[in-house]
Protein backbone atom coordinates (compact mmCIF):
# COMPACT_ATOMS: atom_id res chain seq x y z
CA MET A 1 -55.65 6.00 -35.75
CA ASN A 2 -55.34 3.04 -33.41
CA HIS A 3 -53.64 -0.29 -34.24
CA SER A 4 -56.72 -1.95 -35.30
CA LYS A 5 -57.77 0.60 -37.69
CA ARG A 6 -54.40 0.86 -39.39
CA LEU A 7 -54.32 -3.01 -39.74
CA LEU A 8 -58.02 -2.70 -41.34
CA TRP A 9 -56.91 -0.02 -43.74
CA VAL A 10 -53.63 -1.81 -44.84
CA PHE A 11 -55.83 -5.00 -45.56
CA LEU A 12 -58.22 -2.95 -47.46
CA PHE A 13 -55.61 -1.24 -49.63
CA ALA A 14 -53.80 -4.55 -50.23
CA ILE A 15 -56.80 -6.42 -51.44
CA ALA A 16 -57.81 -3.50 -53.60
CA PHE A 17 -54.30 -3.08 -54.99
CA ALA A 18 -54.27 -6.82 -55.75
CA PHE A 19 -57.30 -6.37 -57.90
CA VAL A 20 -55.40 -3.54 -59.85
CA GLU A 21 -52.46 -5.81 -60.31
CA ALA A 22 -54.78 -8.80 -61.44
CA SER A 23 -56.38 -6.46 -63.75
CA VAL A 24 -53.47 -5.62 -65.66
CA VAL A 25 -52.34 -9.31 -65.88
CA VAL A 26 -55.80 -10.02 -67.30
CA TYR A 27 -55.13 -7.51 -70.00
CA LEU A 28 -51.65 -8.80 -70.88
CA ARG A 29 -52.73 -12.37 -71.03
CA LEU A 30 -55.62 -11.48 -73.44
CA LEU A 31 -53.03 -9.62 -75.64
CA PHE A 32 -50.02 -12.27 -75.48
CA TYR A 33 -51.79 -15.41 -74.49
CA PRO A 34 -55.18 -15.27 -76.03
CA SER A 35 -55.64 -19.08 -75.84
CA GLY A 36 -54.66 -19.21 -72.11
CA PHE A 37 -51.57 -18.66 -70.10
CA SER A 38 -49.08 -21.59 -70.35
CA PHE A 39 -45.32 -22.40 -70.62
CA PRO A 40 -43.03 -22.11 -72.39
CA LEU A 41 -43.07 -18.50 -72.12
CA LYS A 42 -43.83 -16.43 -75.20
CA PHE A 43 -41.65 -13.45 -76.32
CA THR A 44 -42.68 -10.98 -78.94
CA PRO A 45 -40.86 -7.79 -79.91
CA ASP A 46 -44.02 -5.89 -79.00
CA PHE A 47 -44.02 -6.86 -75.42
CA PRO A 48 -43.46 -3.64 -73.32
CA LEU A 49 -40.66 -5.02 -71.07
CA ILE A 50 -39.41 -1.92 -69.67
CA ILE A 51 -42.88 -0.85 -68.73
CA GLU A 52 -43.44 -3.98 -67.13
CA LEU A 53 -40.24 -4.04 -65.00
CA ALA A 54 -41.06 -0.33 -63.99
CA ARG A 55 -44.60 -1.43 -63.12
CA GLU A 56 -43.31 -4.18 -60.78
CA LEU A 57 -40.68 -1.95 -59.16
CA SER A 58 -43.70 0.61 -58.58
CA THR A 59 -45.58 -2.20 -56.96
CA ILE A 60 -43.00 -2.83 -54.39
CA ILE A 61 -42.50 0.99 -53.66
CA MET A 62 -46.26 1.33 -53.16
CA LEU A 63 -46.39 -1.37 -50.64
CA GLY A 64 -43.27 0.03 -49.03
CA ALA A 65 -45.07 3.33 -48.72
CA VAL A 66 -48.04 1.75 -46.95
CA GLY A 67 -45.85 0.35 -44.25
CA MET A 68 -43.81 3.75 -43.92
CA PHE A 69 -47.22 5.58 -43.36
CA ALA A 70 -48.74 2.91 -41.21
CA GLY A 71 -45.93 2.18 -38.85
CA THR A 72 -44.33 4.33 -36.21
CA THR A 73 -41.02 2.58 -35.82
CA ARG A 74 -38.51 0.87 -38.06
CA TRP A 75 -39.96 -2.57 -37.14
CA SER A 76 -43.41 -1.75 -37.23
CA ARG A 77 -43.10 -0.21 -40.65
CA PHE A 78 -41.52 -3.40 -41.88
CA ALA A 79 -44.38 -5.40 -40.21
CA TYR A 80 -47.09 -3.39 -41.90
CA PHE A 81 -45.14 -3.74 -45.39
CA ALA A 82 -44.86 -7.56 -44.78
CA ILE A 83 -48.74 -7.79 -44.03
CA ALA A 84 -49.59 -5.60 -46.91
CA PHE A 85 -47.17 -7.57 -49.31
CA GLY A 86 -48.57 -11.04 -48.16
CA VAL A 87 -52.35 -10.00 -48.37
CA TRP A 88 -51.69 -8.35 -51.75
CA ASP A 89 -49.98 -11.41 -53.30
CA ILE A 90 -52.49 -13.70 -51.91
CA PHE A 91 -55.49 -11.59 -53.09
CA TYR A 92 -53.79 -11.15 -56.61
CA TYR A 93 -54.30 -15.03 -57.04
CA VAL A 94 -57.85 -14.86 -55.76
CA TRP A 95 -58.89 -12.15 -58.06
CA LEU A 96 -57.15 -13.98 -60.97
CA LYS A 97 -59.30 -17.04 -60.04
CA VAL A 98 -62.46 -14.76 -60.02
CA THR A 99 -61.58 -13.01 -63.22
CA LEU A 100 -59.84 -15.80 -65.36
CA ASN A 101 -60.73 -18.97 -63.45
CA TRP A 102 -57.02 -19.35 -63.11
CA PRO A 103 -54.86 -21.08 -61.48
CA ALA A 104 -56.51 -24.42 -61.97
CA SER A 105 -54.73 -25.49 -58.80
CA LEU A 106 -52.02 -24.16 -56.42
CA LEU A 107 -49.30 -26.21 -58.23
CA GLU A 108 -49.96 -24.25 -61.47
CA TRP A 109 -46.83 -22.51 -62.64
CA ASP A 110 -46.65 -18.81 -62.95
CA VAL A 111 -44.24 -15.90 -63.55
CA LEU A 112 -43.64 -14.46 -60.08
CA PHE A 113 -41.44 -11.53 -60.61
CA LEU A 114 -38.97 -10.08 -63.36
CA ILE A 115 -36.19 -8.21 -61.67
CA PRO A 116 -33.42 -8.95 -62.33
CA VAL A 117 -34.31 -12.12 -64.17
CA PRO A 118 -37.75 -13.79 -64.46
CA TRP A 119 -38.93 -15.66 -61.25
CA ILE A 120 -41.06 -18.86 -62.05
CA GLY A 121 -42.65 -21.27 -59.72
CA PRO A 122 -45.84 -23.03 -58.88
CA VAL A 123 -48.39 -20.69 -57.23
CA ILE A 124 -48.30 -22.52 -53.78
CA ALA A 125 -44.65 -21.18 -53.26
CA PRO A 126 -45.58 -17.42 -53.11
CA ALA A 127 -48.91 -18.26 -51.30
CA LEU A 128 -46.98 -20.05 -48.44
CA ILE A 129 -44.35 -17.26 -48.32
CA SER A 130 -47.24 -14.57 -48.23
CA LEU A 131 -48.92 -16.30 -45.35
CA LEU A 132 -45.57 -16.39 -43.37
CA LEU A 133 -45.15 -12.83 -44.16
CA ILE A 134 -48.52 -11.87 -42.58
CA VAL A 135 -47.98 -14.02 -39.55
CA ALA A 136 -44.56 -12.69 -39.05
CA GLY A 137 -45.77 -9.08 -39.49
CA TRP A 138 -48.67 -9.64 -37.12
CA LEU A 139 -46.08 -11.01 -34.40
CA ILE A 140 -43.73 -8.40 -34.79
CA LEU A 141 -46.45 -5.68 -34.42
CA GLN A 142 -47.47 -7.30 -31.10
CA LYS A 143 -44.02 -6.59 -29.84
CA GLU A 144 -43.96 -3.21 -31.32
CA GLN A 145 -47.48 -2.28 -29.82
CA ARG A 146 -46.64 -3.14 -26.38
CA PRO A 147 -47.45 -0.17 -23.99
CA LYS A 148 -44.75 1.57 -22.26
CA GLY A 149 -43.85 -0.10 -19.04
CA ALA A 150 -44.56 -3.59 -20.37
CA SER A 151 -41.91 -6.45 -19.86
CA GLY A 152 -39.59 -7.17 -22.64
CA GLU A 153 -38.07 -5.25 -25.39
CA ALA A 154 -39.18 -3.97 -28.80
CA PHE A 155 -38.71 -6.47 -31.72
CA LYS A 156 -35.06 -6.91 -32.11
CA PRO A 157 -33.74 -9.82 -34.13
CA GLY A 158 -30.45 -11.26 -33.13
CA ARG A 159 -27.53 -12.31 -35.32
CA LEU A 160 -28.92 -15.91 -35.65
CA ALA A 161 -32.28 -14.60 -36.92
CA TRP A 162 -30.48 -12.35 -39.51
CA ILE A 163 -28.29 -15.19 -40.85
CA LEU A 164 -31.05 -17.65 -41.23
CA SER A 165 -33.36 -15.14 -42.89
CA ILE A 166 -30.77 -14.34 -45.36
CA LEU A 167 -29.85 -17.89 -46.09
CA GLY A 168 -33.48 -18.76 -46.34
CA SER A 169 -34.05 -15.88 -49.05
CA VAL A 170 -31.01 -16.96 -51.05
CA ILE A 171 -32.20 -20.63 -51.16
CA ILE A 172 -35.74 -19.66 -52.08
CA LEU A 173 -34.74 -17.12 -54.73
CA PHE A 174 -32.36 -19.68 -56.28
CA SER A 175 -35.37 -22.11 -56.49
CA PHE A 176 -37.21 -19.40 -58.49
CA THR A 177 -34.33 -18.33 -60.84
CA TYR A 178 -32.05 -21.16 -61.40
CA ASP A 179 -34.12 -22.59 -64.45
CA LEU A 180 -32.49 -20.01 -67.11
CA ASP A 181 -33.56 -22.25 -69.95
CA ALA A 182 -37.10 -21.76 -68.93
CA THR A 183 -37.02 -17.92 -68.22
CA LEU A 184 -34.45 -16.82 -70.83
CA ARG A 185 -34.47 -19.29 -73.58
CA PHE A 186 -38.32 -19.86 -73.46
CA GLN A 187 -38.29 -23.68 -72.79
CA MET A 188 -40.40 -25.66 -70.66
CA PRO A 189 -39.44 -25.48 -67.13
CA LYS A 190 -37.77 -28.10 -65.12
CA PRO A 191 -39.57 -29.71 -62.04
CA TYR A 192 -39.70 -27.12 -59.31
CA LEU A 193 -37.39 -27.95 -56.45
CA TYR A 194 -39.95 -27.98 -53.60
CA GLU A 195 -37.22 -29.26 -51.18
CA LEU A 196 -35.51 -25.80 -51.63
CA LEU A 197 -38.78 -24.05 -50.65
CA ALA A 198 -39.29 -26.24 -47.71
CA VAL A 199 -35.71 -25.61 -46.54
CA GLY A 200 -36.16 -21.86 -47.04
CA LEU A 201 -39.56 -21.82 -45.19
CA THR A 202 -38.00 -23.78 -42.28
CA LEU A 203 -34.99 -21.38 -42.00
CA TYR A 204 -37.54 -18.54 -41.85
CA GLY A 205 -39.76 -20.03 -39.32
CA ILE A 206 -36.52 -20.82 -37.14
CA ALA A 207 -35.52 -17.13 -37.53
CA LEU A 208 -38.87 -15.87 -36.61
CA ALA A 209 -38.98 -17.87 -33.49
CA SER A 210 -35.55 -17.07 -32.54
CA ALA A 211 -36.26 -13.08 -32.65
CA MET A 212 -39.51 -13.73 -30.82
CA LYS A 213 -37.71 -15.73 -28.14
CA ARG A 214 -35.08 -13.05 -27.86
CA THR A 215 -37.58 -10.20 -27.04
CA LEU A 216 -40.01 -12.22 -24.75
């Protein structure tokens, strides 16, 4: 299967899987938020937290498996995973809009992830990260798909790219998890730290540019 067909199947899987994910959330909101999802978060003893944690972990494993099957090198596998994750996450919100007419805007707050503590933030944050993942995955694949004899090396990020990527990840993760009063004590969330998101995305962008430049 050539590169274009692999990408097509990865896109189709991610879009379909996003609908499966969204349908689960539709059922959960009907059960626990019958009047509509909103903060503060609600907790009931009946909430199947262990199952939900396992489901989220399974989601990441499945998206990772797509990358493993689609790619042929370490970085092409990561690239396909990044693309699959980005498309899945964006279409997850597309399907929620179709089925629940939610979110009302990209500034709507959502629970993004639950491991190791709940992540919360406005929808625009994961949407921007997902767009960057798709772009990064596509650029990496262009490097990895070069025919033999072409100038340049396969994608190989340097130390600077690694440092900036890790630092950006820490900053963005902090922006999602720092408000423990909202996530663990079920209070209204504090204002989201958009400046941290901007810094994290900027570091990601510089890291990607550095890695691309290194393999020109």
